[in-house]
Amino acid sequence: MDVREIKGKNIVDKTETALQYAAQRKPDAFTWDCDGLGAGAAFQVDQGLGKKKIKIEQFKGSFGADHPNSIYMPVSNPDAGKQKTNKETFYNWRSQFYTALADKMLRTYLAVKKGKKVYNVDELISFSSTIEDINQLKTEICRIPIKPGGRVQILSKPEMKALKIDSPNMADVVMMMQRQIEITPEVNVNDIGSEGW
């Protein structure tokens, strides 16, 4: 995984730089934080990537749990008791996908450092050694504050600011990448051939 922070204060210029980077890299999907200031970027994103073969999807960290009725971390032991659903476990997308990131990091640690080979590679995470601000990324990921309570909830950006915690911009990008975006492959009818019918 590669992550980079775009310096500057002008959100229009920063968005344009991100769109140019995405257009060069040709990812399957492009997502951005559309809560707060990012809400106004939809038109700019559509203009920059709308005609390219890149799926565009907004990330709303404030939404309730994704796949709310699915069991979070299902277990096969029938004696485990009632298992919690995503909506019973997570306050919103932001808390759900920061937890997904933490889960991947723990599984990667167990696989690499402890030799556990019970994980699918999609359940692990790897960061590029060429990330320019890797120490900043590590710091941001490690200091995400969780609120006490019955469901997992991350402090909001205003709450973090009140505690003099800088916005975890790079960590937020990695967290948003934990949400699965459905990619529908394009089919060229000329490639099917007569035997496909």
N, C-alpha and C. Protein backbone atom coordinates (compact mmCIF):
# COMPACT_ATOMS: atom_id res chain seq x y z
N MET A 1 0.85 -1.17 0.00
CA MET A 1 0.00 0.00 0.00
C MET A 1 0.89 1.23 0.00
N ASP A 2 0.52 2.19 -0.80
CA ASP A 2 1.25 3.45 -0.87
C ASP A 2 0.32 4.57 -0.43
N VAL A 3 0.81 5.47 0.40
CA VAL A 3 0.03 6.59 0.91
C VAL A 3 0.90 7.82 0.85
N ARG A 4 0.31 8.92 0.44
CA ARG A 4 1.07 10.17 0.45
C ARG A 4 0.16 11.30 0.91
N GLU A 5 0.75 12.27 1.59
CA GLU A 5 -0.02 13.44 2.02
C GLU A 5 0.27 14.58 1.06
N ILE A 6 -0.78 15.26 0.67
CA ILE A 6 -0.63 16.42 -0.21
C ILE A 6 -0.61 17.65 0.68
N LYS A 7 0.49 18.36 0.65
CA LYS A 7 0.67 19.53 1.51
C LYS A 7 -0.11 20.72 0.97
N GLY A 8 -0.45 21.63 1.86
CA GLY A 8 -1.15 22.86 1.47
C GLY A 8 -2.47 22.98 2.19
N LYS A 9 -3.09 24.13 2.04
CA LYS A 9 -4.34 24.39 2.74
C LYS A 9 -5.54 24.47 1.80
N ASN A 10 -5.32 24.75 0.52
CA ASN A 10 -6.40 24.94 -0.43
C ASN A 10 -6.96 23.59 -0.86
N ILE A 11 -8.20 23.28 -0.44
CA ILE A 11 -8.78 21.97 -0.71
C ILE A 11 -8.99 21.72 -2.20
N VAL A 12 -9.27 22.77 -2.96
CA VAL A 12 -9.47 22.61 -4.41
C VAL A 12 -8.17 22.16 -5.07
N ASP A 13 -7.06 22.82 -4.71
CA ASP A 13 -5.76 22.45 -5.27
C ASP A 13 -5.34 21.05 -4.83
N LYS A 14 -5.57 20.73 -3.56
CA LYS A 14 -5.20 19.41 -3.06
C LYS A 14 -6.02 18.31 -3.74
N THR A 15 -7.30 18.58 -3.95
CA THR A 15 -8.15 17.61 -4.64
C THR A 15 -7.68 17.42 -6.07
N GLU A 16 -7.33 18.51 -6.74
CA GLU A 16 -6.85 18.42 -8.12
C GLU A 16 -5.57 17.58 -8.20
N THR A 17 -4.67 17.78 -7.26
CA THR A 17 -3.43 16.99 -7.22
C THR A 17 -3.75 15.51 -7.01
N ALA A 18 -4.69 15.20 -6.11
CA ALA A 18 -5.08 13.81 -5.85
C ALA A 18 -5.72 13.19 -7.10
N LEU A 19 -6.53 13.96 -7.80
CA LEU A 19 -7.18 13.45 -9.01
C LEU A 19 -6.16 13.17 -10.12
N GLN A 20 -5.19 14.06 -10.26
CA GLN A 20 -4.14 13.85 -11.27
C GLN A 20 -3.32 12.60 -10.92
N TYR A 21 -3.02 12.43 -9.65
CA TYR A 21 -2.27 11.26 -9.20
C TYR A 21 -3.07 9.99 -9.49
N ALA A 22 -4.36 10.02 -9.19
CA ALA A 22 -5.22 8.86 -9.44
C ALA A 22 -5.32 8.56 -10.93
N ALA A 23 -5.45 9.60 -11.75
CA ALA A 23 -5.55 9.40 -13.20
C ALA A 23 -4.28 8.75 -13.74
N GLN A 24 -3.13 9.12 -13.19
CA GLN A 24 -1.85 8.52 -13.62
C GLN A 24 -1.74 7.07 -13.18
N ARG A 25 -2.18 6.78 -11.96
CA ARG A 25 -2.04 5.43 -11.39
C ARG A 25 -3.11 4.46 -11.89
N LYS A 26 -4.22 4.97 -12.39
CA LYS A 26 -5.33 4.17 -12.93
C LYS A 26 -5.84 3.09 -11.96
N PRO A 27 -6.28 3.51 -10.77
CA PRO A 27 -6.82 2.52 -9.82
C PRO A 27 -8.19 2.03 -10.27
N ASP A 28 -8.65 0.94 -9.70
CA ASP A 28 -9.99 0.45 -9.98
C ASP A 28 -11.05 1.39 -9.40
N ALA A 29 -10.72 2.01 -8.25
CA ALA A 29 -11.70 2.85 -7.56
C ALA A 29 -11.02 4.05 -6.92
N PHE A 30 -11.80 5.10 -6.71
CA PHE A 30 -11.33 6.31 -6.05
C PHE A 30 -12.39 6.67 -5.01
N THR A 31 -11.96 6.88 -3.78
CA THR A 31 -12.87 7.30 -2.72
C THR A 31 -12.28 8.47 -1.98
N TRP A 32 -13.12 9.26 -1.37
CA TRP A 32 -12.65 10.39 -0.57
C TRP A 32 -13.62 10.63 0.56
N ASP A 33 -13.15 11.30 1.58
CA ASP A 33 -13.95 11.63 2.76
C ASP A 33 -14.91 12.75 2.38
N CYS A 34 -16.19 12.43 2.31
CA CYS A 34 -17.14 13.46 1.88
C CYS A 34 -17.92 14.03 3.05
N ASP A 35 -17.49 13.77 4.28
CA ASP A 35 -18.03 14.48 5.43
C ASP A 35 -17.26 15.80 5.54
N GLY A 36 -17.86 16.81 6.08
CA GLY A 36 -17.17 18.09 6.27
C GLY A 36 -16.79 18.73 4.96
N LEU A 37 -15.54 19.22 4.85
CA LEU A 37 -15.07 19.93 3.66
C LEU A 37 -15.13 19.09 2.40
N GLY A 38 -14.97 17.79 2.52
CA GLY A 38 -14.97 16.91 1.36
C GLY A 38 -16.31 16.81 0.66
N ALA A 39 -17.39 17.23 1.32
CA ALA A 39 -18.72 17.15 0.71
C ALA A 39 -18.78 17.95 -0.59
N GLY A 40 -18.06 19.06 -0.63
CA GLY A 40 -18.08 19.92 -1.81
C GLY A 40 -17.21 19.43 -2.95
N ALA A 41 -16.50 18.33 -2.76
CA ALA A 41 -15.56 17.86 -3.79
C ALA A 41 -16.22 16.96 -4.84
N ALA A 42 -17.48 16.59 -4.65
CA ALA A 42 -18.13 15.64 -5.56
C ALA A 42 -18.08 16.11 -7.01
N PHE A 43 -18.40 17.36 -7.26
CA PHE A 43 -18.39 17.87 -8.64
C PHE A 43 -16.98 17.82 -9.21
N GLN A 44 -16.00 18.24 -8.43
CA GLN A 44 -14.61 18.25 -8.90
C GLN A 44 -14.12 16.83 -9.19
N VAL A 45 -14.48 15.88 -8.34
CA VAL A 45 -14.09 14.49 -8.55
C VAL A 45 -14.75 13.94 -9.81
N ASP A 46 -16.03 14.23 -9.98
CA ASP A 46 -16.74 13.77 -11.17
C ASP A 46 -16.13 14.35 -12.44
N GLN A 47 -15.78 15.63 -12.41
CA GLN A 47 -15.17 16.27 -13.57
C GLN A 47 -13.78 15.68 -13.87
N GLY A 48 -13.04 15.35 -12.81
CA GLY A 48 -11.68 14.85 -12.98
C GLY A 48 -11.59 13.38 -13.36
N LEU A 49 -12.54 12.57 -12.86
CA LEU A 49 -12.43 11.13 -13.07
C LEU A 49 -13.67 10.50 -13.70
N GLY A 50 -14.74 11.25 -13.83
CA GLY A 50 -16.02 10.70 -14.27
C GLY A 50 -15.99 9.99 -15.61
N LYS A 51 -15.13 10.41 -16.52
CA LYS A 51 -15.07 9.77 -17.84
C LYS A 51 -14.01 8.68 -17.92
N LYS A 52 -13.29 8.46 -16.84
CA LYS A 52 -12.26 7.44 -16.81
C LYS A 52 -12.87 6.13 -16.30
N LYS A 53 -12.19 5.03 -16.50
CA LYS A 53 -12.69 3.74 -16.05
C LYS A 53 -12.28 3.50 -14.59
N ILE A 54 -12.67 4.44 -13.74
CA ILE A 54 -12.37 4.38 -12.32
C ILE A 54 -13.70 4.52 -11.58
N LYS A 55 -14.02 3.57 -10.72
CA LYS A 55 -15.26 3.68 -9.94
C LYS A 55 -15.07 4.76 -8.89
N ILE A 56 -16.02 5.67 -8.83
CA ILE A 56 -15.98 6.78 -7.88
C ILE A 56 -16.99 6.51 -6.78
N GLU A 57 -16.53 6.56 -5.53
CA GLU A 57 -17.43 6.31 -4.42
C GLU A 57 -17.07 7.19 -3.23
N GLN A 58 -18.06 7.89 -2.70
CA GLN A 58 -17.85 8.74 -1.55
C GLN A 58 -17.76 7.90 -0.27
N PHE A 59 -16.95 8.34 0.66
CA PHE A 59 -16.83 7.69 1.97
C PHE A 59 -17.44 8.62 3.00
N LYS A 60 -18.50 8.17 3.66
CA LYS A 60 -19.13 8.97 4.72
C LYS A 60 -18.88 8.29 6.06
N GLY A 61 -17.84 8.75 6.72
CA GLY A 61 -17.47 8.17 8.00
C GLY A 61 -18.55 8.27 9.05
N SER A 62 -19.47 9.23 8.87
CA SER A 62 -20.54 9.42 9.85
C SER A 62 -21.72 8.47 9.65
N PHE A 63 -21.77 7.75 8.51
CA PHE A 63 -22.84 6.77 8.30
C PHE A 63 -22.80 5.71 9.39
N GLY A 64 -23.95 5.10 9.66
CA GLY A 64 -24.02 3.98 10.59
C GLY A 64 -23.21 2.81 10.04
N ALA A 65 -23.14 1.74 10.77
CA ALA A 65 -22.31 0.59 10.40
C ALA A 65 -22.63 0.07 8.99
N ASP A 66 -21.58 -0.30 8.26
CA ASP A 66 -21.72 -0.92 6.94
C ASP A 66 -22.15 -2.38 7.15
N HIS A 67 -23.01 -2.89 6.30
CA HIS A 67 -23.57 -4.24 6.46
C HIS A 67 -24.02 -4.42 7.91
N PRO A 68 -24.98 -3.61 8.34
CA PRO A 68 -25.35 -3.53 9.76
C PRO A 68 -25.77 -4.85 10.41
N ASN A 69 -26.40 -5.74 9.67
CA ASN A 69 -26.90 -6.97 10.27
C ASN A 69 -25.94 -8.15 10.17
N SER A 70 -24.78 -7.93 9.54
CA SER A 70 -23.77 -8.99 9.47
C SER A 70 -23.09 -9.12 10.83
N ILE A 71 -22.67 -10.34 11.15
CA ILE A 71 -21.98 -10.59 12.41
C ILE A 71 -20.54 -10.09 12.29
N TYR A 72 -20.11 -9.31 13.30
CA TYR A 72 -18.71 -8.88 13.36
C TYR A 72 -17.91 -10.04 13.94
N MET A 73 -16.90 -10.49 13.20
CA MET A 73 -16.03 -11.59 13.60
C MET A 73 -16.81 -12.84 14.03
N PRO A 74 -17.50 -13.45 13.08
CA PRO A 74 -18.25 -14.66 13.43
C PRO A 74 -17.33 -15.79 13.88
N VAL A 75 -17.81 -16.56 14.85
CA VAL A 75 -17.06 -17.72 15.33
C VAL A 75 -17.90 -18.97 15.11
N SER A 76 -17.25 -20.09 14.96
CA SER A 76 -17.97 -21.34 14.67
C SER A 76 -18.37 -22.09 15.93
N ASN A 77 -17.86 -21.70 17.08
CA ASN A 77 -18.16 -22.39 18.34
C ASN A 77 -19.62 -22.13 18.74
N PRO A 78 -20.45 -23.17 18.80
CA PRO A 78 -21.86 -22.96 19.16
C PRO A 78 -22.05 -22.50 20.61
N ASP A 79 -21.03 -22.66 21.45
CA ASP A 79 -21.13 -22.22 22.84
C ASP A 79 -20.72 -20.76 23.03
N ALA A 80 -20.42 -20.08 21.94
CA ALA A 80 -19.95 -18.69 22.03
C ALA A 80 -21.04 -17.72 22.45
N GLY A 81 -22.28 -18.15 22.38
CA GLY A 81 -23.38 -17.26 22.76
C GLY A 81 -23.76 -16.35 21.61
N LYS A 82 -24.61 -15.37 21.92
CA LYS A 82 -25.08 -14.44 20.89
C LYS A 82 -23.90 -13.60 20.41
N GLN A 83 -23.72 -13.59 19.10
CA GLN A 83 -22.64 -12.81 18.51
C GLN A 83 -23.16 -11.43 18.11
N LYS A 84 -22.31 -10.45 18.21
CA LYS A 84 -22.73 -9.07 17.91
C LYS A 84 -22.71 -8.79 16.42
N THR A 85 -23.70 -8.02 15.99
CA THR A 85 -23.75 -7.56 14.60
C THR A 85 -22.89 -6.30 14.47
N ASN A 86 -22.65 -5.89 13.24
CA ASN A 86 -21.88 -4.66 13.02
C ASN A 86 -22.56 -3.46 13.67
N LYS A 87 -23.89 -3.36 13.54
CA LYS A 87 -24.58 -2.19 14.12
C LYS A 87 -24.56 -2.22 15.64
N GLU A 88 -24.42 -3.41 16.25
CA GLU A 88 -24.30 -3.50 17.70
C GLU A 88 -22.87 -3.21 18.16
N THR A 89 -21.92 -3.31 17.24
CA THR A 89 -20.50 -3.16 17.58
C THR A 89 -19.95 -1.78 17.28
N PHE A 90 -20.38 -1.20 16.14
CA PHE A 90 -19.76 0.04 15.67
C PHE A 90 -20.74 1.20 15.62
N TYR A 91 -20.24 2.37 15.99
CA TYR A 91 -21.04 3.59 15.97
C TYR A 91 -21.25 4.08 14.54
N ASN A 92 -20.21 3.98 13.70
CA ASN A 92 -20.30 4.49 12.33
C ASN A 92 -19.21 3.84 11.46
N TRP A 93 -19.19 4.24 10.19
CA TRP A 93 -18.18 3.71 9.27
C TRP A 93 -16.78 3.96 9.78
N ARG A 94 -16.54 5.16 10.27
CA ARG A 94 -15.18 5.54 10.71
C ARG A 94 -14.67 4.56 11.77
N SER A 95 -15.48 4.29 12.76
CA SER A 95 -15.05 3.36 13.81
C SER A 95 -14.95 1.94 13.27
N GLN A 96 -15.85 1.56 12.38
CA GLN A 96 -15.83 0.20 11.82
C GLN A 96 -14.57 -0.05 10.99
N PHE A 97 -14.19 0.93 10.17
CA PHE A 97 -13.05 0.68 9.29
C PHE A 97 -11.71 0.97 9.95
N TYR A 98 -11.68 1.78 11.02
CA TYR A 98 -10.45 1.85 11.82
C TYR A 98 -10.26 0.52 12.56
N THR A 99 -11.34 -0.10 13.01
CA THR A 99 -11.23 -1.40 13.65
C THR A 99 -10.78 -2.45 12.64
N ALA A 100 -11.31 -2.39 11.41
CA ALA A 100 -10.88 -3.32 10.36
C ALA A 100 -9.38 -3.17 10.10
N LEU A 101 -8.89 -1.93 10.11
CA LEU A 101 -7.46 -1.67 9.92
C LEU A 101 -6.66 -2.27 11.09
N ALA A 102 -7.13 -2.04 12.31
CA ALA A 102 -6.44 -2.61 13.49
C ALA A 102 -6.44 -4.14 13.43
N ASP A 103 -7.55 -4.72 13.02
CA ASP A 103 -7.63 -6.18 12.89
C ASP A 103 -6.61 -6.70 11.88
N LYS A 104 -6.50 -6.02 10.73
CA LYS A 104 -5.53 -6.43 9.70
C LYS A 104 -4.10 -6.31 10.22
N MET A 105 -3.84 -5.22 10.94
CA MET A 105 -2.48 -5.03 11.47
C MET A 105 -2.14 -6.10 12.49
N LEU A 106 -3.10 -6.48 13.34
CA LEU A 106 -2.86 -7.55 14.32
C LEU A 106 -2.62 -8.88 13.61
N ARG A 107 -3.45 -9.21 12.62
CA ARG A 107 -3.26 -10.47 11.88
C ARG A 107 -1.90 -10.49 11.18
N THR A 108 -1.49 -9.34 10.62
CA THR A 108 -0.19 -9.27 9.95
C THR A 108 0.94 -9.50 10.95
N TYR A 109 0.84 -8.88 12.11
CA TYR A 109 1.84 -9.09 13.17
C TYR A 109 1.91 -10.57 13.55
N LEU A 110 0.74 -11.19 13.78
CA LEU A 110 0.72 -12.60 14.16
C LEU A 110 1.30 -13.49 13.06
N ALA A 111 1.04 -13.13 11.81
CA ALA A 111 1.56 -13.94 10.69
C ALA A 111 3.06 -13.76 10.53
N VAL A 112 3.53 -12.51 10.60
CA VAL A 112 4.95 -12.22 10.33
C VAL A 112 5.83 -12.52 11.55
N LYS A 113 5.42 -12.06 12.71
CA LYS A 113 6.27 -12.20 13.90
C LYS A 113 6.05 -13.51 14.66
N LYS A 114 4.85 -14.06 14.60
CA LYS A 114 4.54 -15.27 15.37
C LYS A 114 4.39 -16.50 14.49
N GLY A 115 4.47 -16.31 13.17
CA GLY A 115 4.43 -17.44 12.26
C GLY A 115 3.08 -18.10 12.06
N LYS A 116 2.00 -17.43 12.45
CA LYS A 116 0.67 -18.00 12.26
C LYS A 116 0.32 -17.93 10.77
N LYS A 117 -0.07 -19.04 10.21
CA LYS A 117 -0.35 -19.11 8.77
C LYS A 117 -1.82 -19.44 8.52
N VAL A 118 -2.68 -18.86 9.32
CA VAL A 118 -4.11 -19.18 9.20
C VAL A 118 -4.90 -18.08 8.50
N TYR A 119 -4.20 -17.11 7.95
CA TYR A 119 -4.89 -15.97 7.37
C TYR A 119 -4.80 -15.94 5.85
N ASN A 120 -5.84 -15.46 5.23
CA ASN A 120 -5.87 -15.18 3.81
C ASN A 120 -5.09 -13.88 3.59
N VAL A 121 -4.39 -13.73 2.49
CA VAL A 121 -3.60 -12.52 2.26
C VAL A 121 -4.47 -11.27 2.24
N ASP A 122 -5.76 -11.41 1.89
CA ASP A 122 -6.66 -10.25 1.91
C ASP A 122 -6.96 -9.77 3.33
N GLU A 123 -6.61 -10.58 4.33
CA GLU A 123 -6.84 -10.23 5.72
C GLU A 123 -5.59 -9.60 6.35
N LEU A 124 -4.54 -9.41 5.55
CA LEU A 124 -3.29 -8.83 6.03
C LEU A 124 -3.08 -7.48 5.37
N ILE A 125 -2.09 -6.73 5.85
CA ILE A 125 -1.80 -5.42 5.27
C ILE A 125 -0.28 -5.23 5.19
N SER A 126 0.15 -4.55 4.16
CA SER A 126 1.56 -4.27 3.96
C SER A 126 1.71 -2.83 3.47
N PHE A 127 2.65 -2.12 4.05
CA PHE A 127 2.90 -0.73 3.65
C PHE A 127 4.20 -0.66 2.86
N SER A 128 4.20 0.14 1.81
CA SER A 128 5.39 0.32 0.99
C SER A 128 6.49 0.99 1.81
N SER A 129 7.71 0.51 1.65
CA SER A 129 8.85 1.11 2.35
C SER A 129 9.22 2.46 1.74
N THR A 130 8.60 2.81 0.61
CA THR A 130 8.91 4.09 -0.05
C THR A 130 7.95 5.21 0.35
N ILE A 131 7.04 4.94 1.29
CA ILE A 131 6.13 6.01 1.73
C ILE A 131 6.97 7.12 2.34
N GLU A 132 6.81 8.30 1.77
CA GLU A 132 7.64 9.44 2.15
C GLU A 132 7.52 9.80 3.63
N ASP A 133 6.30 9.82 4.15
CA ASP A 133 6.06 10.21 5.54
C ASP A 133 5.61 9.01 6.38
N ILE A 134 6.34 7.90 6.27
CA ILE A 134 5.95 6.67 6.96
C ILE A 134 5.88 6.85 8.47
N ASN A 135 6.78 7.64 9.06
CA ASN A 135 6.74 7.84 10.51
C ASN A 135 5.50 8.61 10.92
N GLN A 136 5.10 9.58 10.12
CA GLN A 136 3.87 10.32 10.39
C GLN A 136 2.67 9.38 10.32
N LEU A 137 2.65 8.51 9.30
CA LEU A 137 1.55 7.55 9.16
C LEU A 137 1.47 6.64 10.38
N LYS A 138 2.61 6.11 10.82
CA LYS A 138 2.63 5.24 12.00
C LYS A 138 2.08 5.98 13.23
N THR A 139 2.53 7.22 13.41
CA THR A 139 2.07 8.01 14.55
C THR A 139 0.57 8.22 14.50
N GLU A 140 0.05 8.59 13.32
CA GLU A 140 -1.38 8.84 13.19
C GLU A 140 -2.20 7.59 13.47
N ILE A 141 -1.78 6.45 12.93
CA ILE A 141 -2.54 5.21 13.13
C ILE A 141 -2.52 4.80 14.60
N CYS A 142 -1.39 4.98 15.26
CA CYS A 142 -1.26 4.53 16.65
C CYS A 142 -1.95 5.43 17.67
N ARG A 143 -2.31 6.63 17.28
CA ARG A 143 -2.90 7.54 18.27
C ARG A 143 -4.38 7.82 18.05
N ILE A 144 -5.07 6.98 17.28
CA ILE A 144 -6.51 7.18 17.06
C ILE A 144 -7.23 6.94 18.39
N PRO A 145 -7.84 8.00 18.96
CA PRO A 145 -8.49 7.86 20.26
C PRO A 145 -9.90 7.27 20.16
N ILE A 146 -10.19 6.32 21.04
CA ILE A 146 -11.49 5.66 21.08
C ILE A 146 -12.26 6.17 22.29
N LYS A 147 -13.56 6.42 22.08
CA LYS A 147 -14.43 6.86 23.17
C LYS A 147 -14.89 5.64 23.98
N PRO A 148 -15.03 5.80 25.28
CA PRO A 148 -15.58 4.71 26.07
C PRO A 148 -17.08 4.56 25.79
N GLY A 149 -17.60 3.37 25.95
CA GLY A 149 -19.04 3.16 25.73
C GLY A 149 -19.31 1.76 25.23
N GLY A 150 -20.56 1.49 24.92
CA GLY A 150 -20.97 0.16 24.51
C GLY A 150 -20.57 -0.22 23.10
N ARG A 151 -20.50 0.76 22.17
CA ARG A 151 -20.09 0.47 20.79
C ARG A 151 -18.76 1.16 20.52
N VAL A 152 -18.01 0.64 19.57
CA VAL A 152 -16.73 1.25 19.21
C VAL A 152 -17.02 2.60 18.54
N GLN A 153 -16.42 3.65 19.08
CA GLN A 153 -16.59 4.99 18.52
C GLN A 153 -15.26 5.73 18.63
N ILE A 154 -14.88 6.36 17.53
CA ILE A 154 -13.64 7.16 17.47
C ILE A 154 -14.00 8.60 17.79
N LEU A 155 -13.08 9.31 18.44
CA LEU A 155 -13.32 10.74 18.67
C LEU A 155 -13.53 11.44 17.33
N SER A 156 -14.44 12.40 17.31
CA SER A 156 -14.69 13.18 16.10
C SER A 156 -13.52 14.13 15.85
N LYS A 157 -13.43 14.67 14.65
CA LYS A 157 -12.36 15.63 14.34
C LYS A 157 -12.41 16.85 15.26
N PRO A 158 -13.61 17.44 15.53
CA PRO A 158 -13.64 18.57 16.48
C PRO A 158 -13.18 18.17 17.88
N GLU A 159 -13.53 16.96 18.32
CA GLU A 159 -13.08 16.49 19.64
C GLU A 159 -11.57 16.31 19.66
N MET A 160 -11.01 15.79 18.57
CA MET A 160 -9.56 15.63 18.49
C MET A 160 -8.87 16.98 18.51
N LYS A 161 -9.45 17.94 17.76
CA LYS A 161 -8.86 19.28 17.70
C LYS A 161 -8.87 19.94 19.08
N ALA A 162 -9.94 19.73 19.84
CA ALA A 162 -10.04 20.29 21.19
C ALA A 162 -8.96 19.72 22.11
N LEU A 163 -8.52 18.49 21.82
CA LEU A 163 -7.46 17.86 22.61
C LEU A 163 -6.07 18.10 22.01
N LYS A 164 -6.03 19.00 21.00
CA LYS A 164 -4.79 19.35 20.31
C LYS A 164 -4.15 18.15 19.59
N ILE A 165 -5.01 17.27 19.05
CA ILE A 165 -4.56 16.15 18.23
C ILE A 165 -4.79 16.54 16.78
N ASP A 166 -3.72 16.56 15.99
CA ASP A 166 -3.86 16.91 14.58
C ASP A 166 -4.74 15.91 13.86
N SER A 167 -5.40 16.38 12.80
CA SER A 167 -6.23 15.50 12.00
C SER A 167 -5.37 14.38 11.40
N PRO A 168 -5.78 13.13 11.56
CA PRO A 168 -4.99 12.01 11.05
C PRO A 168 -5.25 11.76 9.56
N ASN A 169 -4.83 12.69 8.72
CA ASN A 169 -5.16 12.63 7.29
C ASN A 169 -4.68 11.36 6.60
N MET A 170 -3.43 10.99 6.81
CA MET A 170 -2.90 9.79 6.16
C MET A 170 -3.55 8.53 6.73
N ALA A 171 -3.73 8.49 8.03
CA ALA A 171 -4.38 7.33 8.65
C ALA A 171 -5.82 7.21 8.15
N ASP A 172 -6.49 8.33 7.97
CA ASP A 172 -7.86 8.30 7.45
C ASP A 172 -7.91 7.68 6.06
N VAL A 173 -6.92 7.97 5.23
CA VAL A 173 -6.89 7.39 3.89
C VAL A 173 -6.77 5.86 3.97
N VAL A 174 -5.86 5.39 4.82
CA VAL A 174 -5.68 3.94 4.98
C VAL A 174 -6.96 3.31 5.53
N MET A 175 -7.60 3.98 6.49
CA MET A 175 -8.85 3.49 7.06
C MET A 175 -9.93 3.40 5.99
N MET A 176 -10.07 4.44 5.16
CA MET A 176 -11.10 4.43 4.12
C MET A 176 -10.88 3.31 3.10
N MET A 177 -9.62 2.94 2.92
CA MET A 177 -9.30 1.87 1.96
C MET A 177 -9.71 0.49 2.48
N GLN A 178 -10.12 0.39 3.73
CA GLN A 178 -10.55 -0.90 4.29
C GLN A 178 -11.97 -1.25 3.86
N ARG A 179 -12.72 -0.26 3.39
CA ARG A 179 -14.09 -0.53 2.94
C ARG A 179 -14.04 -1.13 1.55
N GLN A 180 -14.67 -2.28 1.38
CA GLN A 180 -14.71 -2.95 0.09
C GLN A 180 -15.58 -2.16 -0.88
N ILE A 181 -15.05 -1.84 -2.03
CA ILE A 181 -15.81 -1.17 -3.08
C ILE A 181 -16.06 -2.21 -4.17
N GLU A 182 -17.32 -2.41 -4.48
CA GLU A 182 -17.70 -3.41 -5.48
C GLU A 182 -17.28 -2.93 -6.87
N ILE A 183 -16.44 -3.71 -7.51
CA ILE A 183 -15.97 -3.39 -8.86
C ILE A 183 -16.61 -4.38 -9.83
N THR A 184 -17.35 -3.85 -10.79
CA THR A 184 -17.98 -4.69 -11.81
C THR A 184 -17.09 -4.69 -13.04
N PRO A 185 -16.56 -5.86 -13.41
CA PRO A 185 -15.69 -5.89 -14.59
C PRO A 185 -16.48 -5.59 -15.86
N GLU A 186 -15.83 -4.84 -16.75
CA GLU A 186 -16.46 -4.55 -18.03
C GLU A 186 -16.28 -5.74 -18.95
N VAL A 187 -17.32 -6.04 -19.70
CA VAL A 187 -17.27 -7.15 -20.65
C VAL A 187 -17.40 -6.58 -22.06
N ASN A 188 -16.44 -6.92 -22.89
CA ASN A 188 -16.48 -6.51 -24.29
C ASN A 188 -17.15 -7.65 -25.06
N VAL A 189 -18.31 -7.37 -25.66
CA VAL A 189 -19.05 -8.43 -26.35
C VAL A 189 -18.25 -9.02 -27.50
N ASN A 190 -17.29 -8.29 -28.05
CA ASN A 190 -16.46 -8.82 -29.13
C ASN A 190 -15.50 -9.90 -28.65
N ASP A 191 -15.24 -9.93 -27.33
CA ASP A 191 -14.33 -10.92 -26.76
C ASP A 191 -15.03 -12.23 -26.40
N ILE A 192 -16.37 -12.26 -26.45
CA ILE A 192 -17.11 -13.45 -26.02
C ILE A 192 -17.01 -14.56 -27.06
N GLY A 193 -17.18 -14.24 -28.32
CA GLY A 193 -17.13 -15.25 -29.36
C GLY A 193 -18.44 -16.03 -29.44
N SER A 194 -18.64 -16.76 -30.49
CA SER A 194 -19.91 -17.46 -30.70
C SER A 194 -20.13 -18.61 -29.71
N GLU A 195 -19.03 -19.19 -29.18
CA GLU A 195 -19.21 -20.29 -28.24
C GLU A 195 -19.71 -19.81 -26.89
N GLY A 196 -19.64 -18.50 -26.62
CA GLY A 196 -20.13 -17.95 -25.36
C GLY A 196 -21.63 -17.82 -25.29
N TRP A 197 -22.33 -17.98 -26.41
CA TRP A 197 -23.77 -17.84 -26.41
C TRP A 197 -24.38 -19.17 -26.27
